[in-house]
Amino acid sequence: MVNRTSRSGDVIGSDQRIGAYDTLRSVTTWAAYQNFQEDTKGTLKVGKLADFVILDRNPLKVEPQALRELKVMETIKNGKTTYTAGDGP
């Protein structure tokens, strides 16, 4: 959504790019609203479900081309850590 590039690096619809903040909102706040779940999902608020990841860098502060290089450090689902970087077989 931010870069709109194919796997081969071709730009697809550069006029349809959106910023990182709106990209995050599209898969959180706006997705919950679209599914009539905004009372229980979509934003971090007491009483709402909050499945989320902790990244190694702030996606709002990196260059758009660096977004694909962000690393997931931890995943939290239903209030419990389900993944921590370095976990493995």
N, C-alpha and C. Protein backbone atom coordinates (compact mmCIF):
# COMPACT_ATOMS: atom_id res chain seq x y z
N MET A 1 0.82 -1.19 0.00
CA MET A 1 0.00 0.00 0.00
C MET A 1 0.87 1.26 0.00
N VAL A 2 2.00 1.19 0.67
CA VAL A 2 2.88 2.35 0.74
C VAL A 2 3.73 2.46 -0.52
N ASN A 3 4.37 1.37 -0.89
CA ASN A 3 5.28 1.39 -2.03
C ASN A 3 4.63 0.99 -3.34
N ARG A 4 3.64 0.09 -3.29
CA ARG A 4 2.96 -0.39 -4.48
C ARG A 4 3.94 -0.92 -5.52
N THR A 5 4.79 -1.83 -5.09
CA THR A 5 5.74 -2.43 -6.02
C THR A 5 5.51 -3.93 -6.10
N SER A 6 5.80 -4.47 -7.27
CA SER A 6 5.67 -5.91 -7.48
C SER A 6 6.92 -6.61 -6.91
N ARG A 7 6.92 -7.93 -6.91
CA ARG A 7 8.09 -8.68 -6.45
C ARG A 7 9.32 -8.37 -7.27
N SER A 8 9.11 -8.05 -8.53
CA SER A 8 10.25 -7.74 -9.40
C SER A 8 10.69 -6.28 -9.28
N GLY A 9 9.96 -5.49 -8.48
CA GLY A 9 10.34 -4.11 -8.26
C GLY A 9 9.61 -3.10 -9.11
N ASP A 10 8.70 -3.55 -9.96
CA ASP A 10 7.92 -2.63 -10.78
C ASP A 10 6.90 -1.89 -9.93
N VAL A 11 6.77 -0.60 -10.14
CA VAL A 11 5.77 0.20 -9.43
C VAL A 11 4.41 -0.02 -10.09
N ILE A 12 3.41 -0.30 -9.26
CA ILE A 12 2.05 -0.56 -9.74
C ILE A 12 1.13 0.49 -9.14
N GLY A 13 0.61 1.37 -9.97
CA GLY A 13 -0.33 2.37 -9.48
C GLY A 13 0.25 3.34 -8.48
N SER A 14 1.31 4.03 -8.87
CA SER A 14 1.96 4.96 -7.94
C SER A 14 0.99 6.03 -7.43
N ASP A 15 -0.02 6.36 -8.23
CA ASP A 15 -1.00 7.37 -7.82
C ASP A 15 -1.97 6.83 -6.76
N GLN A 16 -1.88 5.54 -6.44
CA GLN A 16 -2.75 4.94 -5.45
C GLN A 16 -2.03 4.63 -4.14
N ARG A 17 -0.80 5.08 -3.99
CA ARG A 17 -0.04 4.87 -2.75
C ARG A 17 -0.70 5.65 -1.61
N ILE A 18 -0.57 5.07 -0.41
CA ILE A 18 -1.00 5.79 0.80
C ILE A 18 0.14 5.71 1.81
N GLY A 19 0.12 6.57 2.78
CA GLY A 19 1.18 6.62 3.79
C GLY A 19 1.12 5.44 4.76
N ALA A 20 2.20 5.29 5.51
CA ALA A 20 2.30 4.18 6.47
C ALA A 20 1.21 4.25 7.54
N TYR A 21 0.89 5.44 8.01
CA TYR A 21 -0.13 5.58 9.05
C TYR A 21 -1.49 5.11 8.55
N ASP A 22 -1.88 5.55 7.36
CA ASP A 22 -3.16 5.11 6.81
C ASP A 22 -3.14 3.62 6.48
N THR A 23 -2.00 3.10 6.10
CA THR A 23 -1.88 1.66 5.86
C THR A 23 -2.15 0.88 7.14
N LEU A 24 -1.56 1.31 8.25
CA LEU A 24 -1.80 0.65 9.53
C LEU A 24 -3.27 0.76 9.93
N ARG A 25 -3.85 1.91 9.72
CA ARG A 25 -5.27 2.09 10.06
C ARG A 25 -6.17 1.20 9.21
N SER A 26 -5.77 0.95 7.97
CA SER A 26 -6.61 0.13 7.08
C SER A 26 -6.71 -1.31 7.55
N VAL A 27 -5.70 -1.80 8.27
CA VAL A 27 -5.75 -3.19 8.74
C VAL A 27 -6.10 -3.28 10.23
N THR A 28 -6.39 -2.14 10.85
CA THR A 28 -6.77 -2.13 12.26
C THR A 28 -8.12 -1.44 12.43
N THR A 29 -8.10 -0.14 12.60
CA THR A 29 -9.30 0.64 12.87
C THR A 29 -10.36 0.48 11.78
N TRP A 30 -9.95 0.69 10.53
CA TRP A 30 -10.92 0.65 9.44
C TRP A 30 -11.42 -0.77 9.18
N ALA A 31 -10.56 -1.76 9.36
CA ALA A 31 -11.00 -3.15 9.16
C ALA A 31 -12.04 -3.53 10.21
N ALA A 32 -11.83 -3.12 11.46
CA ALA A 32 -12.80 -3.40 12.51
C ALA A 32 -14.14 -2.73 12.20
N TYR A 33 -14.07 -1.48 11.75
CA TYR A 33 -15.29 -0.75 11.39
C TYR A 33 -16.04 -1.45 10.25
N GLN A 34 -15.30 -1.88 9.24
CA GLN A 34 -15.91 -2.54 8.09
C GLN A 34 -16.65 -3.81 8.49
N ASN A 35 -16.15 -4.48 9.55
CA ASN A 35 -16.76 -5.73 10.01
C ASN A 35 -17.68 -5.52 11.21
N PHE A 36 -18.06 -4.27 11.47
CA PHE A 36 -18.96 -3.93 12.59
C PHE A 36 -18.40 -4.40 13.93
N GLN A 37 -17.08 -4.35 14.10
CA GLN A 37 -16.43 -4.81 15.32
C GLN A 37 -15.66 -3.69 16.02
N GLU A 38 -15.96 -2.45 15.69
CA GLU A 38 -15.20 -1.33 16.25
C GLU A 38 -15.36 -1.19 17.76
N ASP A 39 -16.39 -1.82 18.34
CA ASP A 39 -16.55 -1.77 19.80
C ASP A 39 -15.62 -2.74 20.52
N THR A 40 -15.09 -3.72 19.79
CA THR A 40 -14.25 -4.73 20.43
C THR A 40 -12.85 -4.86 19.83
N LYS A 41 -12.63 -4.27 18.66
CA LYS A 41 -11.34 -4.41 17.97
C LYS A 41 -10.96 -3.11 17.27
N GLY A 42 -9.72 -3.07 16.79
CA GLY A 42 -9.31 -1.99 15.90
C GLY A 42 -8.45 -0.91 16.51
N THR A 43 -8.60 -0.67 17.80
CA THR A 43 -7.77 0.33 18.49
C THR A 43 -7.37 -0.23 19.85
N LEU A 44 -6.29 0.33 20.41
CA LEU A 44 -5.86 -0.10 21.74
C LEU A 44 -6.62 0.71 22.78
N LYS A 45 -7.50 0.02 23.48
CA LYS A 45 -8.34 0.67 24.48
C LYS A 45 -8.75 -0.39 25.50
N VAL A 46 -8.84 0.00 26.76
CA VAL A 46 -9.24 -0.92 27.81
C VAL A 46 -10.56 -1.58 27.43
N GLY A 47 -10.59 -2.91 27.53
CA GLY A 47 -11.79 -3.67 27.24
C GLY A 47 -11.86 -4.22 25.82
N LYS A 48 -10.97 -3.76 24.94
CA LYS A 48 -10.96 -4.26 23.57
C LYS A 48 -9.93 -5.38 23.43
N LEU A 49 -10.15 -6.24 22.44
CA LEU A 49 -9.18 -7.27 22.11
C LEU A 49 -7.96 -6.58 21.50
N ALA A 50 -6.79 -7.10 21.82
CA ALA A 50 -5.58 -6.44 21.31
C ALA A 50 -4.53 -7.47 20.93
N ASP A 51 -4.62 -8.00 19.74
CA ASP A 51 -3.58 -8.84 19.18
C ASP A 51 -2.65 -7.91 18.42
N PHE A 52 -1.36 -7.98 18.69
CA PHE A 52 -0.45 -7.05 18.04
C PHE A 52 0.97 -7.59 18.00
N VAL A 53 1.82 -6.89 17.26
CA VAL A 53 3.23 -7.24 17.17
C VAL A 53 4.07 -6.07 17.65
N ILE A 54 5.26 -6.39 18.12
CA ILE A 54 6.25 -5.38 18.45
C ILE A 54 7.34 -5.50 17.38
N LEU A 55 7.62 -4.40 16.71
CA LEU A 55 8.60 -4.39 15.64
C LEU A 55 9.92 -3.82 16.12
N ASP A 56 10.98 -4.08 15.37
CA ASP A 56 12.30 -3.58 15.76
C ASP A 56 12.48 -2.09 15.51
N ARG A 57 11.62 -1.51 14.67
CA ARG A 57 11.68 -0.08 14.40
C ARG A 57 10.26 0.44 14.18
N ASN A 58 10.12 1.72 14.28
CA ASN A 58 8.82 2.37 14.10
C ASN A 58 8.51 2.47 12.61
N PRO A 59 7.45 1.81 12.12
CA PRO A 59 7.14 1.86 10.70
C PRO A 59 6.74 3.25 10.21
N LEU A 60 6.42 4.14 11.11
CA LEU A 60 6.06 5.50 10.72
C LEU A 60 7.28 6.39 10.54
N LYS A 61 8.45 5.89 10.94
CA LYS A 61 9.65 6.72 10.89
C LYS A 61 10.73 6.18 9.96
N VAL A 62 10.52 5.02 9.36
CA VAL A 62 11.52 4.49 8.42
C VAL A 62 11.15 4.92 7.01
N GLU A 63 12.13 4.90 6.13
CA GLU A 63 11.88 5.18 4.72
C GLU A 63 10.93 4.12 4.17
N PRO A 64 10.03 4.48 3.28
CA PRO A 64 9.07 3.51 2.74
C PRO A 64 9.73 2.23 2.20
N GLN A 65 10.88 2.36 1.55
CA GLN A 65 11.54 1.18 1.00
C GLN A 65 12.07 0.25 2.09
N ALA A 66 12.24 0.75 3.31
CA ALA A 66 12.76 -0.06 4.41
C ALA A 66 11.66 -0.81 5.16
N LEU A 67 10.40 -0.57 4.84
CA LEU A 67 9.30 -1.24 5.55
C LEU A 67 9.41 -2.76 5.47
N ARG A 68 9.80 -3.27 4.33
CA ARG A 68 9.88 -4.72 4.16
C ARG A 68 11.00 -5.34 4.99
N GLU A 69 11.90 -4.52 5.51
CA GLU A 69 13.02 -5.01 6.32
C GLU A 69 12.71 -5.03 7.81
N LEU A 70 11.56 -4.52 8.22
CA LEU A 70 11.21 -4.51 9.64
C LEU A 70 11.14 -5.94 10.16
N LYS A 71 11.59 -6.13 11.37
CA LYS A 71 11.58 -7.46 11.98
C LYS A 71 10.56 -7.49 13.11
N VAL A 72 9.82 -8.59 13.18
CA VAL A 72 8.88 -8.81 14.27
C VAL A 72 9.68 -9.31 15.47
N MET A 73 9.62 -8.58 16.57
CA MET A 73 10.35 -8.95 17.78
C MET A 73 9.49 -9.80 18.72
N GLU A 74 8.18 -9.53 18.71
CA GLU A 74 7.27 -10.27 19.59
C GLU A 74 5.86 -10.19 19.03
N THR A 75 5.09 -11.26 19.21
CA THR A 75 3.69 -11.29 18.83
C THR A 75 2.88 -11.59 20.08
N ILE A 76 1.83 -10.82 20.28
CA ILE A 76 0.97 -10.99 21.45
C ILE A 76 -0.45 -11.21 20.97
N LYS A 77 -1.06 -12.29 21.46
CA LYS A 77 -2.43 -12.65 21.10
C LYS A 77 -3.18 -13.02 22.37
N ASN A 78 -4.36 -12.46 22.52
CA ASN A 78 -5.18 -12.70 23.73
C ASN A 78 -4.39 -12.44 25.00
N GLY A 79 -3.53 -11.43 24.98
CA GLY A 79 -2.78 -11.05 26.17
C GLY A 79 -1.57 -11.91 26.49
N LYS A 80 -1.25 -12.87 25.61
CA LYS A 80 -0.12 -13.76 25.85
C LYS A 80 0.87 -13.70 24.69
N THR A 81 2.14 -13.73 25.00
CA THR A 81 3.16 -13.76 23.97
C THR A 81 3.12 -15.10 23.26
N THR A 82 3.00 -15.07 21.94
CA THR A 82 2.97 -16.30 21.15
C THR A 82 4.24 -16.48 20.34
N TYR A 83 5.04 -15.41 20.22
CA TYR A 83 6.30 -15.49 19.49
C TYR A 83 7.24 -14.45 20.04
N THR A 84 8.50 -14.83 20.18
CA THR A 84 9.56 -13.90 20.52
C THR A 84 10.70 -14.14 19.55
N ALA A 85 11.28 -13.07 19.02
CA ALA A 85 12.40 -13.21 18.08
C ALA A 85 13.48 -14.06 18.72
N GLY A 86 14.02 -14.96 17.96
CA GLY A 86 15.02 -15.87 18.48
C GLY A 86 14.44 -17.22 18.84
N ASP A 87 13.10 -17.30 18.97
CA ASP A 87 12.46 -18.61 19.18
C ASP A 87 12.69 -19.44 17.94
N GLY A 88 12.84 -20.67 18.10
CA GLY A 88 13.02 -21.51 16.93
C GLY A 88 13.12 -22.97 17.32
N PRO A 89 13.32 -23.80 16.32
CA PRO A 89 13.38 -25.25 16.60
C PRO A 89 14.57 -25.63 17.45
